[in-house]
Amino acid sequence: IQTEKNLPELIYDSVVNAIVEGLLKPGERVTQETLAERLDVSRLPVSQAMQRLRDDGFLSAVGRRGLMVSVLDESFVAQLYEFRCGIDLVSAGLAAQRVDAGARKRGEDIIAEGFAAGKAHDLPALIDADMRFHGFIYELAGNTFILDSMEAHWNHVRRVMSDILIVEKNQKQIWEEHEAILNAVLAGDSRTAETLAREHVETASKWLKKEIQVCREPLKRSGSTTI
């Protein structure tokens, strides 16, 4: 049963999207007043949304009463990608075993959209295509536990992926790796699909580790909090 989202949920989604797309930067202060004015809503639903954003790790306390966009740290990313490595490996293998007749066009359409978004330097479209590709593989795997597990962490995965995709030199390689995974899945080659999926996640994790190390010192000097 699908129901329309209430106002606090819509505000939550709006702030998460702003963080993912880089409109709200790590360490940036976030206040009820600013969000209420920006979104043209009252403060009560903003307060409810901000509490959930804090509980989920997207906002962190700063000072006595303030909140700011949380800064990713190496430990958080490492644990998230250890989790993803297992999930993505199993998903790719199962997808290769259970691939259906309609999968080729769906998969190839997503790949084409990813390459097109990269050429256009369209970060929101790149993130969307990346998430749809991995969601497509999870769906093909046909295991509801995989879908439920990834849904619980989906927004954090989106945020982390934005830090990879914003670097232009990464974009072409990422979509070439996606295309190789898809080809293995469509060929029914479980072992190759699993290997490529694992290597894809491991490469992304290494990129993120380097990026976090580069960004860490300026953020430490500003007193920002990591998650």
Protein backbone atom coordinates (compact mmCIF):
# COMPACT_ATOMS: atom_id res chain seq x y z
CA ILE A 1 0.00 0.00 0.00
CA GLN A 2 1.54 3.29 -1.09
CA THR A 3 0.63 6.49 0.72
CA GLU A 4 1.61 10.08 0.05
CA LYS A 5 4.49 11.37 2.14
CA ASN A 6 3.72 13.86 4.90
CA LEU A 7 5.37 17.27 5.12
CA PRO A 8 8.23 16.31 7.50
CA GLU A 9 9.11 13.41 5.16
CA LEU A 10 9.13 15.72 2.15
CA ILE A 11 11.39 18.17 4.00
CA TYR A 12 13.68 15.30 5.00
CA ASP A 13 13.95 14.19 1.37
CA SER A 14 14.61 17.74 0.22
CA VAL A 15 17.49 18.22 2.68
CA VAL A 16 19.01 14.82 1.90
CA ASN A 17 18.88 15.63 -1.82
CA ALA A 18 20.56 18.99 -1.17
CA ILE A 19 23.34 17.23 0.78
CA VAL A 20 23.76 14.52 -1.87
CA GLU A 21 23.91 17.06 -4.71
CA GLY A 22 26.37 19.31 -2.86
CA LEU A 23 23.99 22.22 -2.38
CA LEU A 24 24.51 21.83 1.38
CA LYS A 25 28.20 21.32 2.10
CA PRO A 26 29.84 19.26 4.88
CA GLY A 27 30.19 21.45 7.97
CA GLU A 28 27.59 23.96 6.78
CA ARG A 29 25.23 25.26 9.49
CA VAL A 30 21.56 24.34 9.11
CA THR A 31 18.83 26.14 11.05
CA GLN A 32 15.08 25.75 11.33
CA GLU A 33 14.61 29.36 10.28
CA THR A 34 16.69 29.04 7.11
CA LEU A 35 15.05 25.79 6.02
CA ALA A 36 11.54 27.03 6.79
CA GLU A 37 12.15 30.16 4.73
CA ARG A 38 13.83 28.29 1.87
CA LEU A 39 11.07 25.67 1.64
CA ASP A 40 8.23 28.08 2.50
CA VAL A 41 6.88 25.95 5.36
CA SER A 42 6.32 26.40 9.09
CA ARG A 43 8.99 25.55 11.66
CA LEU A 44 7.22 22.57 13.28
CA PRO A 45 7.58 20.10 10.36
CA VAL A 46 11.11 21.43 9.80
CA SER A 47 11.96 20.63 13.42
CA GLN A 48 10.58 17.09 13.01
CA ALA A 49 12.55 16.56 9.81
CA MET A 50 15.77 17.90 11.36
CA GLN A 51 15.47 15.52 14.30
CA ARG A 52 15.22 12.58 11.90
CA LEU A 53 18.13 13.93 9.84
CA ARG A 54 20.19 14.06 13.03
CA ASP A 55 19.12 10.56 14.09
CA ASP A 56 20.10 9.23 10.65
CA GLY A 57 23.51 10.91 10.72
CA PHE A 58 23.02 13.56 8.04
CA LEU A 59 23.11 16.42 10.56
CA SER A 60 25.32 16.77 13.64
CA ALA A 61 25.25 19.01 16.70
CA VAL A 62 27.48 22.07 16.69
CA GLY A 63 27.65 24.46 19.62
CA ARG A 64 24.81 24.52 22.12
CA ARG A 65 21.77 24.44 19.86
CA GLY A 66 22.98 24.43 16.28
CA LEU A 67 23.14 21.70 13.69
CA MET A 68 25.37 21.30 10.66
CA VAL A 69 25.79 18.92 7.74
CA SER A 70 27.77 15.95 9.03
CA VAL A 71 31.17 15.22 7.55
CA LEU A 72 31.86 11.71 6.32
CA ASP A 73 34.82 9.99 7.89
CA GLU A 74 36.97 7.11 6.80
CA SER A 75 35.58 4.58 9.28
CA PHE A 76 31.97 5.22 8.28
CA VAL A 77 32.74 4.89 4.57
CA ALA A 78 34.86 1.77 5.12
CA GLN A 79 32.05 0.02 7.01
CA LEU A 80 29.43 1.07 4.45
CA TYR A 81 31.55 -0.28 1.61
CA GLU A 82 32.37 -3.51 3.41
CA PHE A 83 28.62 -4.01 3.64
CA ARG A 84 28.13 -3.05 -0.01
CA CYS A 85 30.91 -5.36 -1.18
CA GLY A 86 29.10 -8.40 0.18
CA ILE A 87 25.66 -7.28 -0.97
CA ASP A 88 26.77 -6.30 -4.48
CA LEU A 89 28.79 -9.49 -5.01
CA VAL A 90 25.87 -11.74 -4.04
CA SER A 91 23.39 -9.59 -5.99
CA ALA A 92 25.39 -9.72 -9.21
CA GLY A 93 25.78 -13.49 -8.97
CA LEU A 94 22.08 -14.05 -8.32
CA ALA A 95 21.13 -11.59 -11.06
CA ALA A 96 23.18 -13.60 -13.57
CA GLN A 97 21.34 -16.75 -12.52
CA ARG A 98 17.87 -15.16 -12.63
CA VAL A 99 18.15 -12.65 -15.47
CA ASP A 100 14.93 -12.37 -17.52
CA ALA A 101 14.16 -11.56 -21.14
CA GLY A 102 13.33 -7.91 -20.48
CA ALA A 103 16.51 -7.18 -18.58
CA ARG A 104 18.72 -6.36 -21.57
CA LYS A 105 16.83 -3.27 -22.72
CA ARG A 106 16.33 -1.98 -19.19
CA GLY A 107 19.98 -2.41 -18.33
CA GLU A 108 21.31 -1.00 -21.59
CA ASP A 109 19.02 2.04 -21.27
CA ILE A 110 20.45 2.80 -17.81
CA ILE A 111 24.01 2.40 -19.07
CA ALA A 112 23.32 4.78 -21.97
CA GLU A 113 21.80 7.34 -19.60
CA GLY A 114 24.84 7.09 -17.32
CA PHE A 115 27.32 7.73 -20.14
CA ALA A 116 25.14 10.62 -21.40
CA ALA A 117 24.97 12.20 -17.95
CA GLY A 118 28.76 11.96 -17.68
CA LYS A 119 29.27 13.69 -21.02
CA ALA A 120 26.86 16.43 -19.92
CA HIS A 121 28.62 16.78 -16.52
CA ASP A 122 25.17 16.46 -14.90
CA LEU A 123 25.88 15.30 -11.32
CA PRO A 124 22.23 14.79 -10.21
CA ALA A 125 21.57 12.71 -13.34
CA LEU A 126 24.77 10.71 -12.76
CA ILE A 127 23.78 9.92 -9.17
CA ASP A 128 20.27 8.97 -10.27
CA ALA A 129 21.54 6.69 -13.04
CA ASP A 130 24.09 5.08 -10.70
CA MET A 131 21.46 4.34 -8.08
CA ARG A 132 19.07 2.98 -10.71
CA PHE A 133 21.76 0.68 -12.09
CA HIS A 134 22.50 -0.86 -8.71
CA GLY A 135 18.79 -0.99 -7.86
CA PHE A 136 18.24 -2.81 -11.15
CA ILE A 137 20.85 -5.44 -10.20
CA TYR A 138 19.35 -5.85 -6.71
CA GLU A 139 15.91 -6.29 -8.27
CA LEU A 140 17.17 -8.89 -10.74
CA ALA A 141 18.72 -10.80 -7.82
CA GLY A 142 15.16 -11.49 -6.69
CA ASN A 143 15.92 -11.48 -2.96
CA THR A 144 13.73 -9.24 -0.80
CA PHE A 145 16.28 -9.25 2.03
CA ILE A 146 18.80 -7.60 -0.29
CA LEU A 147 16.29 -4.94 -1.32
CA ASP A 148 15.26 -4.25 2.28
CA SER A 149 18.86 -4.10 3.50
CA MET A 150 19.92 -1.63 0.81
CA GLU A 151 16.82 0.52 1.24
CA ALA A 152 17.78 1.14 4.87
CA HIS A 153 21.14 2.58 3.76
CA TRP A 154 20.17 3.98 0.36
CA ASN A 155 20.52 7.69 1.16
CA HIS A 156 23.96 7.21 2.70
CA VAL A 157 25.04 5.27 -0.40
CA ARG A 158 23.72 8.11 -2.58
CA ARG A 159 25.65 10.65 -0.56
CA VAL A 160 28.89 8.72 -0.71
CA MET A 161 28.50 8.07 -4.44
CA SER A 162 28.14 11.80 -5.07
CA ASP A 163 31.65 12.30 -3.68
CA ILE A 164 32.97 9.81 -6.25
CA LEU A 165 30.90 10.96 -9.23
CA ILE A 166 31.68 14.63 -8.75
CA VAL A 167 35.26 13.85 -9.84
CA GLU A 168 35.07 13.84 -13.65
CA LYS A 169 37.97 11.43 -14.17
CA ASN A 170 36.04 8.76 -12.23
CA GLN A 171 32.85 8.98 -14.25
CA LYS A 172 33.87 7.17 -17.44
CA GLN A 173 35.55 4.31 -15.55
CA ILE A 174 32.52 3.83 -13.30
CA TRP A 175 30.17 3.44 -16.26
CA GLU A 176 32.58 1.17 -18.10
CA GLU A 177 32.59 -1.04 -14.99
CA HIS A 178 28.79 -0.93 -14.84
CA GLU A 179 28.63 -1.97 -18.48
CA ALA A 180 30.99 -4.91 -17.86
CA ILE A 181 28.91 -6.07 -14.88
CA LEU A 182 25.73 -5.85 -16.96
CA ASN A 183 27.29 -7.86 -19.82
CA ALA A 184 28.33 -10.62 -17.40
CA VAL A 185 24.84 -10.68 -15.89
CA LEU A 186 23.16 -10.83 -19.30
CA ALA A 187 25.51 -13.65 -20.32
CA GLY A 188 24.50 -15.61 -17.21
CA ASP A 189 28.12 -15.64 -16.03
CA SER A 190 27.72 -15.58 -12.26
CA ARG A 191 31.41 -15.91 -11.38
CA THR A 192 32.52 -13.02 -13.61
CA ALA A 193 29.60 -10.85 -12.47
CA GLU A 194 30.54 -11.43 -8.83
CA THR A 195 34.21 -10.66 -9.44
CA LEU A 196 33.46 -7.47 -11.37
CA ALA A 197 30.94 -6.30 -8.76
CA ARG A 198 33.44 -6.83 -5.94
CA GLU A 199 36.22 -5.04 -7.80
CA HIS A 200 33.84 -2.16 -8.62
CA VAL A 201 33.01 -1.57 -4.96
CA GLU A 202 36.64 -1.98 -3.86
CA THR A 203 37.81 0.61 -6.41
CA ALA A 204 35.16 3.09 -5.27
CA SER A 205 36.16 2.54 -1.64
CA LYS A 206 39.82 3.32 -2.44
CA TRP A 207 38.85 6.51 -4.27
CA LEU A 208 36.73 7.64 -1.33
CA LYS A 209 39.46 6.93 1.20
CA LYS A 210 41.84 9.18 -0.73
CA GLU A 211 39.22 11.90 -1.11
CA ILE A 212 38.39 11.88 2.59
CA GLN A 213 42.06 12.11 3.54
CA VAL A 214 42.52 15.13 1.26
CA CYS A 215 39.47 16.89 2.68
CA ARG A 216 39.96 15.93 6.33
CA GLU A 217 42.48 18.55 7.49
CA PRO A 218 40.56 21.71 6.47
CA LEU A 219 37.39 20.30 8.04
CA LYS A 220 39.22 19.37 11.25
CA ARG A 221 40.56 22.90 11.55
CA SER A 222 37.00 24.25 11.21
CA GLY A 223 35.81 22.03 14.10
CA SER A 224 33.34 20.07 11.98
CA THR A 225 31.92 16.79 13.27
CA THR A 226 32.23 13.54 11.35
CA ILE A 227 29.82 10.64 11.14
